[in-house]
Amino acid sequence: MSVDCIFCKIVNGAIPSKKIYEDEDIIAFHDINPSAKVHFLLVPKLHVESLANCDSQHQALLGKLLLLAPKIAKEQGLAGFKTLINTGREGGQEVFHLHVHVLGGGEKQRKTLA
């Protein structure tokens, strides 16, 4: 756990989330700023900064993350979906705790200010 990491705080219950799945290794919850009608995150409970920081000791965890994506996507009503792992600042990563975005159901209509 990292004391300053927002996802670690969600994992330990210090910050609430709209949780849709949890086991001993992974938590899944709805994104607070969704980019699609269905947009949830799969987050390992183990704090790993990014995919670039993973090695062979993380192989089982990475496999579990990817195998959970279609299972939870189906439970959320998705017939098809997109997965995304942003890696590093240049790769669009904003929270430096490994996580997988799962998106589907079409783009969410964003409100614009006129």
Protein backbone atom coordinates (compact mmCIF):
# COMPACT_ATOMS: atom_id res chain seq x y z
CA MET A 1 0.00 0.00 0.00
CA SER A 2 1.07 3.54 -0.69
CA VAL A 3 -0.28 6.11 1.78
CA ASP A 4 -0.70 8.80 -0.89
CA CYS A 5 -2.28 6.59 -3.57
CA ILE A 6 -5.99 7.17 -4.21
CA PHE A 7 -6.49 3.57 -5.36
CA CYS A 8 -4.79 2.22 -2.21
CA LYS A 9 -7.20 4.38 -0.22
CA ILE A 10 -10.13 2.88 -2.14
CA VAL A 11 -8.75 -0.64 -1.55
CA ASN A 12 -8.52 -0.07 2.21
CA GLY A 13 -11.95 1.61 2.41
CA ALA A 14 -10.74 5.11 3.29
CA ILE A 15 -12.36 6.46 0.09
CA PRO A 16 -15.75 5.11 -1.02
CA SER A 17 -16.33 3.67 -4.48
CA LYS A 18 -19.16 2.12 -6.47
CA LYS A 19 -17.68 -1.35 -6.07
CA ILE A 20 -18.85 -4.09 -8.42
CA TYR A 21 -16.35 -6.85 -7.57
CA GLU A 22 -13.81 -7.72 -4.92
CA ASP A 23 -11.67 -10.70 -3.99
CA GLU A 24 -8.39 -11.16 -2.13
CA ASP A 25 -6.33 -9.71 -5.03
CA ILE A 26 -8.49 -7.31 -7.02
CA ILE A 27 -11.21 -4.71 -6.63
CA ALA A 28 -13.41 -3.41 -9.46
CA PHE A 29 -15.45 -0.24 -9.33
CA HIS A 30 -17.16 2.26 -11.63
CA ASP A 31 -15.01 5.13 -12.90
CA ILE A 32 -15.98 8.48 -11.35
CA ASN A 33 -15.47 10.22 -14.72
CA PRO A 34 -16.76 7.64 -17.22
CA SER A 35 -15.85 7.81 -20.90
CA ALA A 36 -18.54 5.28 -21.90
CA LYS A 37 -21.98 4.20 -20.73
CA VAL A 38 -20.23 1.42 -18.81
CA HIS A 39 -16.74 2.26 -17.57
CA PHE A 40 -15.19 0.42 -14.68
CA LEU A 41 -11.69 -0.14 -13.37
CA LEU A 42 -9.97 -3.35 -12.33
CA VAL A 43 -7.39 -2.52 -9.68
CA PRO A 44 -4.99 -4.94 -8.01
CA LYS A 45 -4.84 -4.57 -4.24
CA LEU A 46 -1.06 -4.84 -4.45
CA HIS A 47 0.39 -1.40 -5.16
CA VAL A 48 2.34 -1.59 -8.41
CA GLU A 49 2.98 1.79 -10.02
CA SER A 50 2.36 0.77 -13.64
CA LEU A 51 2.52 -2.05 -16.16
CA ALA A 52 6.12 -1.01 -16.81
CA ASN A 53 6.93 -1.95 -13.20
CA CYS A 54 5.63 -5.51 -13.56
CA ASP A 55 7.81 -8.56 -13.97
CA SER A 56 7.43 -12.34 -13.81
CA GLN A 57 6.30 -12.23 -10.16
CA HIS A 58 3.18 -10.35 -11.35
CA GLN A 59 2.27 -12.82 -14.12
CA ALA A 60 -0.59 -14.52 -12.26
CA LEU A 61 -2.04 -11.18 -11.13
CA LEU A 62 -1.92 -9.75 -14.67
CA GLY A 63 -3.62 -12.87 -16.03
CA LYS A 64 -6.30 -12.65 -13.36
CA LEU A 65 -6.96 -8.97 -14.21
CA LEU A 66 -7.44 -9.78 -17.89
CA LEU A 67 -9.58 -12.85 -17.26
CA LEU A 68 -11.87 -10.88 -14.94
CA ALA A 69 -12.49 -8.19 -17.58
CA PRO A 70 -14.89 -10.23 -19.78
CA LYS A 71 -16.60 -11.84 -16.79
CA ILE A 72 -17.43 -8.52 -15.13
CA ALA A 73 -18.18 -6.85 -18.48
CA LYS A 74 -20.82 -9.51 -19.14
CA GLU A 75 -22.26 -9.00 -15.63
CA GLN A 76 -22.48 -5.28 -16.43
CA GLY A 77 -24.51 -6.03 -19.57
CA LEU A 78 -21.78 -5.64 -22.17
CA ALA A 79 -21.67 -7.91 -25.22
CA GLY A 80 -18.46 -6.22 -26.35
CA PHE A 81 -16.00 -3.93 -24.63
CA LYS A 82 -12.62 -2.25 -24.83
CA THR A 83 -9.77 -2.60 -22.34
CA LEU A 84 -7.14 0.04 -21.75
CA ILE A 85 -4.02 0.17 -19.61
CA ASN A 86 -2.38 3.59 -19.59
CA THR A 87 1.31 3.23 -18.71
CA GLY A 88 3.44 6.16 -17.60
CA ARG A 89 2.75 9.87 -17.81
CA GLU A 90 3.47 9.86 -21.57
CA GLY A 91 1.01 6.96 -21.94
CA GLY A 92 -1.81 8.93 -20.33
CA GLN A 93 -1.57 7.39 -16.85
CA GLU A 94 -2.99 9.76 -14.22
CA VAL A 95 -3.13 7.50 -11.15
CA PHE A 96 0.17 5.72 -10.61
CA HIS A 97 -1.25 2.40 -9.44
CA LEU A 98 -1.68 -0.27 -12.12
CA HIS A 99 -5.29 -0.50 -13.30
CA VAL A 100 -7.30 -1.72 -16.28
CA HIS A 101 -10.11 0.37 -17.75
CA VAL A 102 -13.03 -1.60 -19.19
CA LEU A 103 -15.36 0.45 -21.40
CA GLY A 104 -18.45 -0.40 -23.43
CA GLY A 105 -22.01 0.44 -24.34
CA GLY A 106 -21.10 3.41 -26.53
CA GLU A 107 -19.72 6.80 -25.64
CA LYS A 108 -21.25 8.64 -22.77
CA GLN A 109 -22.83 11.96 -23.67
CA ARG A 110 -20.81 14.66 -21.97
CA LYS A 111 -22.48 17.86 -20.92
CA THR A 112 -21.03 20.94 -22.51
CA LEU A 113 -21.33 24.48 -21.29
CA ALA A 114 -22.78 26.88 -23.83
